[in-house]
Amino acid sequence: MDINLLKQKLDSIQNRGQQTEKKDYTTIFWKPTVGKQTLRFVPSKFTPENPFSELKFYYGITNKVMLSPLNFGEKDPINEFVQKLYDSNDKSNFDLARKLRAKNRIFAPVIVRGEEDKGVRLWGFGQQIYTELLAMAADEEIGDFTDVENGLDFTVETVGPESTGTQYNKTTVRAKRNNSPLSEDAEQVKTWLAEQPNPKENFKRFTFDEMKEALKKYLTPEEETEGDIISEPATSFEDPKDLPWEGDGNNYQLNTSKAKENKEDQFDKLFS
């Protein structure tokens, strides 16, 4: 054995975590806190005609959110699987499809008043706030609230669980009445329009195989990898014949065979 070579390998393993620099997401994303805050929506550097970026994510399949390849016009194995579940015309499959399908999250570039030194950050929010903002933009009395000369600031108010009666905060947005410039400093405005984080570049991109493997682990937990599929409460499948395993990633079909198979074999057939 080359002891020096093995020592180098050991050092690389032990120092791997130290060599990875953690990204400070607070410089990229903004999240409202309980109370009132004022912000300004900024025209997007990447899509000037629309400040909102709609991205599709998967939640709960792994311990991290997964950005769908559909956002980049690429094939998405989880989406293909979900579509086949819907095509199965089976209620238990519908339940699983609803759990697995991608959820929309909307991101917009903002400047938070009082924190202008932090530059443009991305605010991510859900469908309700998105709908309200679109309605304001369509309102003739409000219009283009991102206009750098005559746009509008917004009051963002967040209340905690003690007010919502749930375990979640609730955020509302309200446009201020008076128009105002984005900044009195023209150079500052130029900087904010030029230096913005790209929503699509700040999440890990998963390959087709990585997403396929994540789906496989979600549907076939390690502690249950041996034996037949008899009951899967987490996935709402009641019988092996209901599992849509057969075929490849593009043209798989529902399995109509009554023969029971090992979970690994069934999953492999889906993307063989």
C-alpha atoms as a PDB file:
ATOM      1  CA  MET A   1       0.000   0.000   0.000  1.00  0.00           C
ATOM      2  CA  ASP A   2       1.048   3.566  -0.649  1.00  0.00           C
ATOM      3  CA  ILE A   3       0.528   4.979   2.845  1.00  0.00           C
ATOM      4  CA  ASN A   4       1.055   8.573   1.744  1.00  0.00           C
ATOM      5  CA  LEU A   5      -1.610   8.201  -0.925  1.00  0.00           C
ATOM      6  CA  LEU A   6      -4.066   6.780   1.604  1.00  0.00           C
ATOM      7  CA  LYS A   7      -3.291   9.611   4.033  1.00  0.00           C
ATOM      8  CA  GLN A   8      -4.080  12.136   1.308  1.00  0.00           C
ATOM      9  CA  LYS A   9      -7.375  10.385   0.690  1.00  0.00           C
ATOM     10  CA  LEU A  10      -8.171  10.474   4.408  1.00  0.00           C
ATOM     11  CA  ASP A  11      -7.389  14.179   4.574  1.00  0.00           C
ATOM     12  CA  SER A  12      -9.609  14.921   1.602  1.00  0.00           C
ATOM     13  CA  ILE A  13     -12.531  13.099   3.235  1.00  0.00           C
ATOM     14  CA  GLN A  14     -12.068  14.757   6.618  1.00  0.00           C
ATOM     15  CA  ASN A  15     -11.721  18.232   5.123  1.00  0.00           C
ATOM     16  CA  ARG A  16     -14.462  17.924   2.548  1.00  0.00           C
ATOM     17  CA  GLY A  17     -17.047  19.685   4.689  1.00  0.00           C
ATOM     18  CA  GLN A  18     -14.626  22.468   5.593  1.00  0.00           C
ATOM     19  CA  GLN A  19     -13.781  23.160   1.967  1.00  0.00           C
ATOM     20  CA  THR A  20     -17.398  23.720   0.998  1.00  0.00           C
ATOM     21  CA  GLU A  21     -18.371  27.341   1.415  1.00  0.00           C
ATOM     22  CA  LYS A  22     -21.932  27.831   2.549  1.00  0.00           C
ATOM     23  CA  LYS A  23     -23.898  30.349   0.534  1.00  0.00           C
ATOM     24  CA  ASP A  24     -25.416  33.193   2.536  1.00  0.00           C
ATOM     25  CA  TYR A  25     -28.975  33.080   1.271  1.00  0.00           C
ATOM     26  CA  THR A  26     -29.995  36.145   3.288  1.00  0.00           C
ATOM     27  CA  THR A  27     -28.131  38.228   0.695  1.00  0.00           C
ATOM     28  CA  ILE A  28     -30.177  36.623  -2.094  1.00  0.00           C
ATOM     29  CA  PHE A  29     -33.634  36.087  -0.620  1.00  0.00           C
ATOM     30  CA  TRP A  30     -35.819  38.269   1.572  1.00  0.00           C
ATOM     31  CA  LYS A  31     -38.433  36.873   3.917  1.00  0.00           C
ATOM     32  CA  PRO A  32     -40.977  39.037   5.755  1.00  0.00           C
ATOM     33  CA  THR A  33     -40.951  38.949   9.543  1.00  0.00           C
ATOM     34  CA  VAL A  34     -43.853  39.530  11.912  1.00  0.00           C
ATOM     35  CA  GLY A  35     -44.824  43.183  11.793  1.00  0.00           C
ATOM     36  CA  LYS A  36     -44.894  45.803   9.034  1.00  0.00           C
ATOM     37  CA  GLN A  37     -42.203  46.378   6.449  1.00  0.00           C
ATOM     38  CA  THR A  38     -42.032  48.569   3.356  1.00  0.00           C
ATOM     39  CA  LEU A  39     -40.603  47.410   0.052  1.00  0.00           C
ATOM     40  CA  ARG A  40     -40.459  48.311  -3.603  1.00  0.00           C
ATOM     41  CA  PHE A  41     -40.787  45.875  -6.490  1.00  0.00           C
ATOM     42  CA  VAL A  42     -37.986  46.393  -8.995  1.00  0.00           C
ATOM     43  CA  PRO A  43     -38.131  45.754 -12.767  1.00  0.00           C
ATOM     44  CA  SER A  44     -36.505  42.400 -13.457  1.00  0.00           C
ATOM     45  CA  LYS A  45     -33.142  42.431 -15.160  1.00  0.00           C
ATOM     46  CA  PHE A  46     -33.912  39.071 -16.765  1.00  0.00           C
ATOM     47  CA  THR A  47     -37.524  39.649 -17.868  1.00  0.00           C
ATOM     48  CA  PRO A  48     -38.099  43.438 -17.976  1.00  0.00           C
ATOM     49  CA  GLU A  49     -41.654  42.952 -19.212  1.00  0.00           C
ATOM     50  CA  ASN A  50     -42.604  40.878 -16.157  1.00  0.00           C
ATOM     51  CA  PRO A  51     -41.071  41.174 -12.667  1.00  0.00           C
ATOM     52  CA  PHE A  52     -42.501  37.837 -11.544  1.00  0.00           C
ATOM     53  CA  SER A  53     -40.740  34.500 -12.070  1.00  0.00           C
ATOM     54  CA  GLU A  54     -42.903  31.400 -11.645  1.00  0.00           C
ATOM     55  CA  LEU A  55     -40.906  28.331 -10.668  1.00  0.00           C
ATOM     56  CA  LYS A  56     -42.079  24.781 -10.061  1.00  0.00           C
ATOM     57  CA  PHE A  57     -40.795  22.882  -7.018  1.00  0.00           C
ATOM     58  CA  TYR A  58     -41.303  19.499  -5.419  1.00  0.00           C
ATOM     59  CA  TYR A  59     -41.794  19.411  -1.658  1.00  0.00           C
ATOM     60  CA  GLY A  60     -41.525  16.439   0.668  1.00  0.00           C
ATOM     61  CA  ILE A  61     -39.891  13.975  -1.724  1.00  0.00           C
ATOM     62  CA  THR A  62     -36.505  14.602  -0.116  1.00  0.00           C
ATOM     63  CA  ASN A  63     -35.518  16.681   2.897  1.00  0.00           C
ATOM     64  CA  LYS A  64     -34.906  19.597   0.514  1.00  0.00           C
ATOM     65  CA  VAL A  65     -37.082  21.257  -2.080  1.00  0.00           C
ATOM     66  CA  MET A  66     -36.341  20.131  -5.623  1.00  0.00           C
ATOM     67  CA  LEU A  67     -36.439  22.486  -8.581  1.00  0.00           C
ATOM     68  CA  SER A  68     -38.283  20.886 -11.480  1.00  0.00           C
ATOM     69  CA  PRO A  69     -36.413  20.520 -14.793  1.00  0.00           C
ATOM     70  CA  LEU A  70     -39.619  21.777 -16.413  1.00  0.00           C
ATOM     71  CA  ASN A  71     -38.429  25.274 -15.497  1.00  0.00           C
ATOM     72  CA  PHE A  72     -35.680  24.809 -18.080  1.00  0.00           C
ATOM     73  CA  GLY A  73     -37.745  23.002 -20.700  1.00  0.00           C
ATOM     74  CA  GLU A  74     -36.190  19.664 -19.776  1.00  0.00           C
ATOM     75  CA  LYS A  75     -37.702  16.233 -19.126  1.00  0.00           C
ATOM     76  CA  ASP A  76     -38.925  15.687 -15.583  1.00  0.00           C
ATOM     77  CA  PRO A  77     -39.369  12.064 -14.436  1.00  0.00           C
ATOM     78  CA  ILE A  78     -41.508  13.017 -11.437  1.00  0.00           C
ATOM     79  CA  ASN A  79     -43.872  15.053 -13.595  1.00  0.00           C
ATOM     80  CA  GLU A  80     -44.125  12.195 -16.092  1.00  0.00           C
ATOM     81  CA  PHE A  81     -44.920   9.834 -13.247  1.00  0.00           C
ATOM     82  CA  VAL A  82     -47.582  12.198 -11.882  1.00  0.00           C
ATOM     83  CA  GLN A  83     -49.222  12.526 -15.295  1.00  0.00           C
ATOM     84  CA  LYS A  84     -49.441   8.749 -15.591  1.00  0.00           C
ATOM     85  CA  LEU A  85     -51.050   8.580 -12.167  1.00  0.00           C
ATOM     86  CA  TYR A  86     -53.738  10.998 -13.314  1.00  0.00           C
ATOM     87  CA  ASP A  87     -54.212   9.016 -16.519  1.00  0.00           C
ATOM     88  CA  SER A  88     -54.815   5.839 -14.497  1.00  0.00           C
ATOM     89  CA  ASN A  89     -58.370   6.911 -13.601  1.00  0.00           C
ATOM     90  CA  ASP A  90     -57.849   5.517 -10.099  1.00  0.00           C
ATOM     91  CA  LYS A  91     -58.709   7.594  -6.997  1.00  0.00           C
ATOM     92  CA  SER A  92     -55.839   6.255  -4.893  1.00  0.00           C
ATOM     93  CA  ASN A  93     -53.446   7.228  -7.676  1.00  0.00           C
ATOM     94  CA  PHE A  94     -55.028  10.690  -7.816  1.00  0.00           C
ATOM     95  CA  ASP A  95     -54.285  11.159  -4.108  1.00  0.00           C
ATOM     96  CA  LEU A  96     -50.632  10.306  -4.638  1.00  0.00           C
ATOM     97  CA  ALA A  97     -50.442  12.516  -7.727  1.00  0.00           C
ATOM     98  CA  ARG A  98     -51.675  15.504  -5.730  1.00  0.00           C
ATOM     99  CA  LYS A  99     -48.977  14.888  -3.129  1.00  0.00           C
ATOM    100  CA  LEU A 100     -46.214  14.539  -5.699  1.00  0.00           C
ATOM    101  CA  ARG A 101     -47.086  17.194  -8.268  1.00  0.00           C
ATOM    102  CA  ALA A 102     -44.927  20.297  -8.508  1.00  0.00           C
ATOM    103  CA  LYS A 103     -46.048  23.419  -6.671  1.00  0.00           C
ATOM    104  CA  ASN A 104     -45.658  26.941  -8.005  1.00  0.00           C
ATOM    105  CA  ARG A 105     -43.577  29.511  -6.117  1.00  0.00           C
ATOM    106  CA  ILE A 106     -43.306  33.045  -7.403  1.00  0.00           C
ATOM    107  CA  PHE A 107     -40.205  35.226  -7.022  1.00  0.00           C
ATOM    108  CA  ALA A 108     -39.865  38.971  -7.535  1.00  0.00           C
ATOM    109  CA  PRO A 109     -36.897  41.344  -7.125  1.00  0.00           C
ATOM    110  CA  VAL A 110     -37.428  43.830  -4.293  1.00  0.00           C
ATOM    111  CA  ILE A 111     -35.701  46.605  -2.403  1.00  0.00           C
ATOM    112  CA  VAL A 112     -36.629  46.660   1.267  1.00  0.00           C
ATOM    113  CA  ARG A 113     -36.858  50.183   2.622  1.00  0.00           C
ATOM    114  CA  GLY A 114     -34.394  50.754   5.443  1.00  0.00           C
ATOM    115  CA  GLU A 115     -32.235  47.929   4.070  1.00  0.00           C
ATOM    116  CA  GLU A 116     -31.266  49.498   0.749  1.00  0.00           C
ATOM    117  CA  ASP A 117     -27.620  48.720   1.472  1.00  0.00           C
ATOM    118  CA  LYS A 118     -28.400  45.011   0.999  1.00  0.00           C
ATOM    119  CA  GLY A 119     -29.338  45.615  -2.622  1.00  0.00           C
ATOM    120  CA  VAL A 120     -31.934  43.779  -4.658  1.00  0.00           C
ATOM    121  CA  ARG A 121     -33.150  40.513  -3.165  1.00  0.00           C
ATOM    122  CA  LEU A 122     -35.756  37.972  -4.184  1.00  0.00           C
ATOM    123  CA  TRP A 123     -39.033  37.652  -2.350  1.00  0.00           C
ATOM    124  CA  GLY A 124     -40.709  34.288  -2.785  1.00  0.00           C
ATOM    125  CA  PHE A 125     -44.452  34.024  -2.188  1.00  0.00           C
ATOM    126  CA  GLY A 126     -47.468  31.906  -3.030  1.00  0.00           C
ATOM    127  CA  GLN A 127     -50.435  32.055  -5.335  1.00  0.00           C
ATOM    128  CA  GLN A 128     -52.653  34.268  -3.173  1.00  0.00           C
ATOM    129  CA  ILE A 129     -50.230  37.180  -2.946  1.00  0.00           C
ATOM    130  CA  TYR A 130     -49.324  36.693  -6.609  1.00  0.00           C
ATOM    131  CA  THR A 131     -52.985  37.003  -7.624  1.00  0.00           C
ATOM    132  CA  GLU A 132     -53.393  40.152  -5.532  1.00  0.00           C
ATOM    133  CA  LEU A 133     -50.337  41.774  -7.109  1.00  0.00           C
ATOM    134  CA  LEU A 134     -51.501  40.919 -10.627  1.00  0.00           C
ATOM    135  CA  ALA A 135     -54.897  42.451  -9.844  1.00  0.00           C
ATOM    136  CA  MET A 136     -53.204  45.642  -8.657  1.00  0.00           C
ATOM    137  CA  ALA A 137     -51.131  45.841 -11.832  1.00  0.00           C
ATOM    138  CA  ALA A 138     -54.313  45.426 -13.885  1.00  0.00           C
ATOM    139  CA  ASP A 139     -56.035  48.190 -11.903  1.00  0.00           C
ATOM    140  CA  GLU A 140     -55.901  51.440 -13.914  1.00  0.00           C
ATOM    141  CA  GLU A 141     -55.500  53.437 -10.703  1.00  0.00           C
ATOM    142  CA  ILE A 142     -52.324  51.537  -9.810  1.00  0.00           C
ATOM    143  CA  GLY A 143     -50.799  50.151 -13.002  1.00  0.00           C
ATOM    144  CA  ASP A 144     -47.043  49.605 -13.281  1.00  0.00           C
ATOM    145  CA  PHE A 145     -45.969  49.788  -9.657  1.00  0.00           C
ATOM    146  CA  THR A 146     -42.389  48.858 -10.647  1.00  0.00           C
ATOM    147  CA  ASP A 147     -41.858  52.112 -12.569  1.00  0.00           C
ATOM    148  CA  VAL A 148     -38.555  53.557 -11.325  1.00  0.00           C
ATOM    149  CA  GLU A 149     -39.854  57.145 -11.548  1.00  0.00           C
ATOM    150  CA  ASN A 150     -43.515  56.932 -10.607  1.00  0.00           C
ATOM    151  CA  GLY A 151     -43.999  53.502  -9.068  1.00  0.00           C
ATOM    152  CA  LEU A 152     -45.385  52.595  -5.683  1.00  0.00           C
ATOM    153  CA  ASP A 153     -43.967  51.264  -2.447  1.00  0.00           C
ATOM    154  CA  PHE A 154     -45.839  48.489  -0.660  1.00  0.00           C
ATOM    155  CA  THR A 155     -46.609  47.812   2.963  1.00  0.00           C
ATOM    156  CA  VAL A 156     -46.077  44.157   3.780  1.00  0.00           C
ATOM    157  CA  GLU A 157     -47.741  43.105   7.021  1.00  0.00           C
ATOM    158  CA  THR A 158     -47.203  39.721   8.643  1.00  0.00           C
ATOM    159  CA  VAL A 159     -49.033  38.266  11.632  1.00  0.00           C
ATOM    160  CA  GLY A 160     -47.978  35.187  13.589  1.00  0.00           C
ATOM    161  CA  PRO A 161     -49.719  31.953  14.609  1.00  0.00           C
ATOM    162  CA  GLU A 162     -51.367  33.653  17.580  1.00  0.00           C
ATOM    163  CA  SER A 163     -53.393  35.703  15.082  1.00  0.00           C
ATOM    164  CA  THR A 164     -53.887  33.153  12.310  1.00  0.00           C
ATOM    165  CA  GLY A 165     -54.972  30.320  14.586  1.00  0.00           C
ATOM    166  CA  THR A 166     -52.613  28.008  12.700  1.00  0.00           C
ATOM    167  CA  GLN A 167     -48.931  27.150  12.949  1.00  0.00           C
ATOM    168  CA  TYR A 168     -48.167  29.504  10.062  1.00  0.00           C
ATOM    169  CA  ASN A 169     -47.683  33.228   9.586  1.00  0.00           C
ATOM    170  CA  LYS A 170     -49.945  35.154   7.240  1.00  0.00           C
ATOM    171  CA  THR A 171     -48.692  37.988   5.037  1.00  0.00           C
ATOM    172  CA  THR A 172     -50.715  40.665   3.266  1.00  0.00           C
ATOM    173  CA  VAL A 173     -49.612  43.383   0.833  1.00  0.00           C
ATOM    174  CA  ARG A 174     -50.996  46.870   0.379  1.00  0.00           C
ATOM    175  CA  ALA A 175     -49.923  49.507  -2.134  1.00  0.00           C
ATOM    176  CA  LYS A 176     -49.185  52.955  -0.769  1.00  0.00           C
ATOM    177  CA  ARG A 177     -51.217  55.832  -2.184  1.00  0.00           C
ATOM    178  CA  ASN A 178     -48.473  58.175  -3.311  1.00  0.00           C
ATOM    179  CA  ASN A 179     -46.223  57.553  -6.283  1.00  0.00           C
ATOM    180  CA  SER A 180     -42.496  57.903  -5.712  1.00  0.00           C
ATOM    181  CA  PRO A 181     -39.156  57.199  -7.412  1.00  0.00           C
ATOM    182  CA  LEU A 182     -37.293  53.994  -6.712  1.00  0.00           C
ATOM    183  CA  SER A 183     -34.422  56.175  -5.492  1.00  0.00           C
ATOM    184  CA  GLU A 184     -33.390  59.816  -5.709  1.00  0.00           C
ATOM    185  CA  ASP A 185     -29.908  58.589  -6.674  1.00  0.00           C
ATOM    186  CA  ALA A 186     -29.834  57.794 -10.408  1.00  0.00           C
ATOM    187  CA  GLU A 187     -26.610  55.797 -10.090  1.00  0.00           C
ATOM    188  CA  GLN A 188     -28.164  53.718  -7.329  1.00  0.00           C
ATOM    189  CA  VAL A 189     -31.098  52.915  -9.587  1.00  0.00           C
ATOM    190  CA  LYS A 190     -28.738  51.805 -12.364  1.00  0.00           C
ATOM    191  CA  THR A 191     -26.948  49.500  -9.933  1.00  0.00           C
ATOM    192  CA  TRP A 192     -30.181  47.944  -8.683  1.00  0.00           C
ATOM    193  CA  LEU A 193     -31.384  47.326 -12.235  1.00  0.00           C
ATOM    194  CA  ALA A 194     -28.073  45.750 -13.250  1.00  0.00           C
ATOM    195  CA  GLU A 195     -27.202  43.713 -10.158  1.00  0.00           C
ATOM    196  CA  GLN A 196     -29.928  41.217  -9.342  1.00  0.00           C
ATOM    197  CA  PRO A 197     -29.933  37.542  -8.357  1.00  0.00           C
ATOM    198  CA  ASN A 198     -31.364  35.217 -10.980  1.00  0.00           C
ATOM    199  CA  PRO A 199     -34.152  33.049  -9.484  1.00  0.00           C
ATOM    200  CA  LYS A 200     -33.243  30.095 -11.700  1.00  0.00           C
ATOM    201  CA  GLU A 201     -29.581  30.101 -10.701  1.00  0.00           C
ATOM    202  CA  ASN A 202     -29.923  29.953  -6.929  1.00  0.00           C
ATOM    203  CA  PHE A 203     -31.362  26.482  -6.512  1.00  0.00           C
ATOM    204  CA  LYS A 204     -29.640  23.166  -7.099  1.00  0.00           C
ATOM    205  CA  ARG A 205     -30.446  21.656 -10.478  1.00  0.00           C
ATOM    206  CA  PHE A 206     -31.087  17.917 -10.354  1.00  0.00           C
ATOM    207  CA  THR A 207     -30.421  15.580 -13.234  1.00  0.00           C
ATOM    208  CA  PHE A 208     -33.043  13.226 -14.636  1.00  0.00           C
ATOM    209  CA  ASP A 209     -31.373  10.287 -12.874  1.00  0.00           C
ATOM    210  CA  GLU A 210     -31.111  12.133  -9.553  1.00  0.00           C
ATOM    211  CA  MET A 211     -34.807  12.936  -9.595  1.00  0.00           C
ATOM    212  CA  LYS A 212     -35.673   9.409 -10.621  1.00  0.00           C
ATOM    213  CA  GLU A 213     -33.638   8.072  -7.691  1.00  0.00           C
ATOM    214  CA  ALA A 214     -35.295  10.519  -5.279  1.00  0.00           C
ATOM    215  CA  LEU A 215     -38.730   9.363  -6.419  1.00  0.00           C
ATOM    216  CA  LYS A 216     -37.662   5.760  -6.048  1.00  0.00           C
ATOM    217  CA  LYS A 217     -36.535   6.297  -2.452  1.00  0.00           C
ATOM    218  CA  TYR A 218     -39.723   8.163  -1.633  1.00  0.00           C
ATOM    219  CA  LEU A 219     -41.941   5.358  -2.928  1.00  0.00           C
ATOM    220  CA  THR A 220     -39.777   2.494  -1.692  1.00  0.00           C
ATOM    221  CA  PRO A 221     -38.262   3.390   1.719  1.00  0.00           C
ATOM    222  CA  GLU A 222     -35.116   1.484   2.611  1.00  0.00           C
ATOM    223  CA  GLU A 223     -36.701  -0.280   5.553  1.00  0.00           C
ATOM    224  CA  GLU A 224     -39.244  -1.827   3.192  1.00  0.00           C
ATOM    225  CA  THR A 225     -37.113  -2.688   0.187  1.00  0.00           C
ATOM    226  CA  GLU A 226     -37.544  -6.443   0.516  1.00  0.00           C
ATOM    227  CA  GLY A 227     -40.672  -8.445  -0.107  1.00  0.00           C
ATOM    228  CA  ASP A 228     -43.874  -7.649  -1.927  1.00  0.00           C
ATOM    229  CA  ILE A 229     -45.821  -4.398  -1.940  1.00  0.00           C
ATOM    230  CA  ILE A 230     -48.924  -5.215   0.027  1.00  0.00           C
ATOM    231  CA  SER A 231     -49.966  -1.901   1.550  1.00  0.00           C
ATOM    232  CA  GLU A 232     -48.439   1.550   1.146  1.00  0.00           C
ATOM    233  CA  PRO A 233     -50.340   4.077   3.317  1.00  0.00           C
ATOM    234  CA  ALA A 234     -47.833   6.809   2.473  1.00  0.00           C
ATOM    235  CA  THR A 235     -48.431   6.416  -1.238  1.00  0.00           C
ATOM    236  CA  SER A 236     -52.135   5.454  -1.199  1.00  0.00           C
ATOM    237  CA  PHE A 237     -51.531   2.295  -3.245  1.00  0.00           C
ATOM    238  CA  GLU A 238     -53.664  -0.619  -2.087  1.00  0.00           C
ATOM    239  CA  ASP A 239     -52.569  -3.337  -4.487  1.00  0.00           C
ATOM    240  CA  PRO A 240     -49.443  -4.079  -6.562  1.00  0.00           C
ATOM    241  CA  LYS A 241     -51.451  -4.079  -9.799  1.00  0.00           C
ATOM    242  CA  ASP A 242     -52.175  -0.364  -9.241  1.00  0.00           C
ATOM    243  CA  LEU A 243     -48.499   0.607  -9.430  1.00  0.00           C
ATOM    244  CA  PRO A 244     -47.638   2.372 -12.706  1.00  0.00           C
ATOM    245  CA  TRP A 245     -44.256   0.761 -13.164  1.00  0.00           C
ATOM    246  CA  GLU A 246     -44.069  -0.695 -16.649  1.00  0.00           C
ATOM    247  CA  GLY A 247     -42.331   0.981 -19.585  1.00  0.00           C
ATOM    248  CA  ASP A 248     -39.637   3.606 -19.958  1.00  0.00           C
ATOM    249  CA  GLY A 249     -39.439   7.213 -18.840  1.00  0.00           C
ATOM    250  CA  ASN A 250     -41.480   8.454 -21.790  1.00  0.00           C
ATOM    251  CA  ASN A 251     -44.055   5.756 -22.446  1.00  0.00           C
ATOM    252  CA  TYR A 252     -44.588   3.794 -19.265  1.00  0.00           C
ATOM    253  CA  GLN A 253     -48.003   2.197 -18.753  1.00  0.00           C
ATOM    254  CA  LEU A 254     -49.999   1.061 -15.774  1.00  0.00           C
ATOM    255  CA  ASN A 255     -49.128  -2.418 -14.633  1.00  0.00           C
ATOM    256  CA  THR A 256     -52.083  -4.716 -15.164  1.00  0.00           C
ATOM    257  CA  SER A 257     -50.279  -7.903 -14.147  1.00  0.00           C
ATOM    258  CA  LYS A 258     -51.463  -9.608 -10.947  1.00  0.00           C
ATOM    259  CA  ALA A 259     -48.054 -11.173 -10.318  1.00  0.00           C
ATOM    260  CA  LYS A 260     -46.345  -9.664  -7.263  1.00  0.00           C
ATOM    261  CA  GLU A 261     -42.822  -8.357  -7.770  1.00  0.00           C
ATOM    262  CA  ASN A 262     -40.046  -6.994  -5.637  1.00  0.00           C
ATOM    263  CA  LYS A 263     -40.259  -3.190  -5.194  1.00  0.00           C
ATOM    264  CA  GLU A 264     -36.865  -2.661  -6.792  1.00  0.00           C
ATOM    265  CA  ASP A 265     -37.917  -4.675  -9.863  1.00  0.00           C
ATOM    266  CA  GLN A 266     -41.157  -2.743 -10.174  1.00  0.00           C
ATOM    267  CA  PHE A 267     -39.463   0.614 -10.013  1.00  0.00           C
ATOM    268  CA  ASP A 268     -36.713  -0.366 -12.429  1.00  0.00           C
ATOM    269  CA  LYS A 269     -39.340  -1.300 -14.992  1.00  0.00           C
ATOM    270  CA  LEU A 270     -40.685   2.234 -14.911  1.00  0.00           C
ATOM    271  CA  PHE A 271     -37.420   3.723 -16.227  1.00  0.00           C
ATOM    272  CA  SER A 272     -35.834   0.693 -17.860  1.00  0.00           C
END
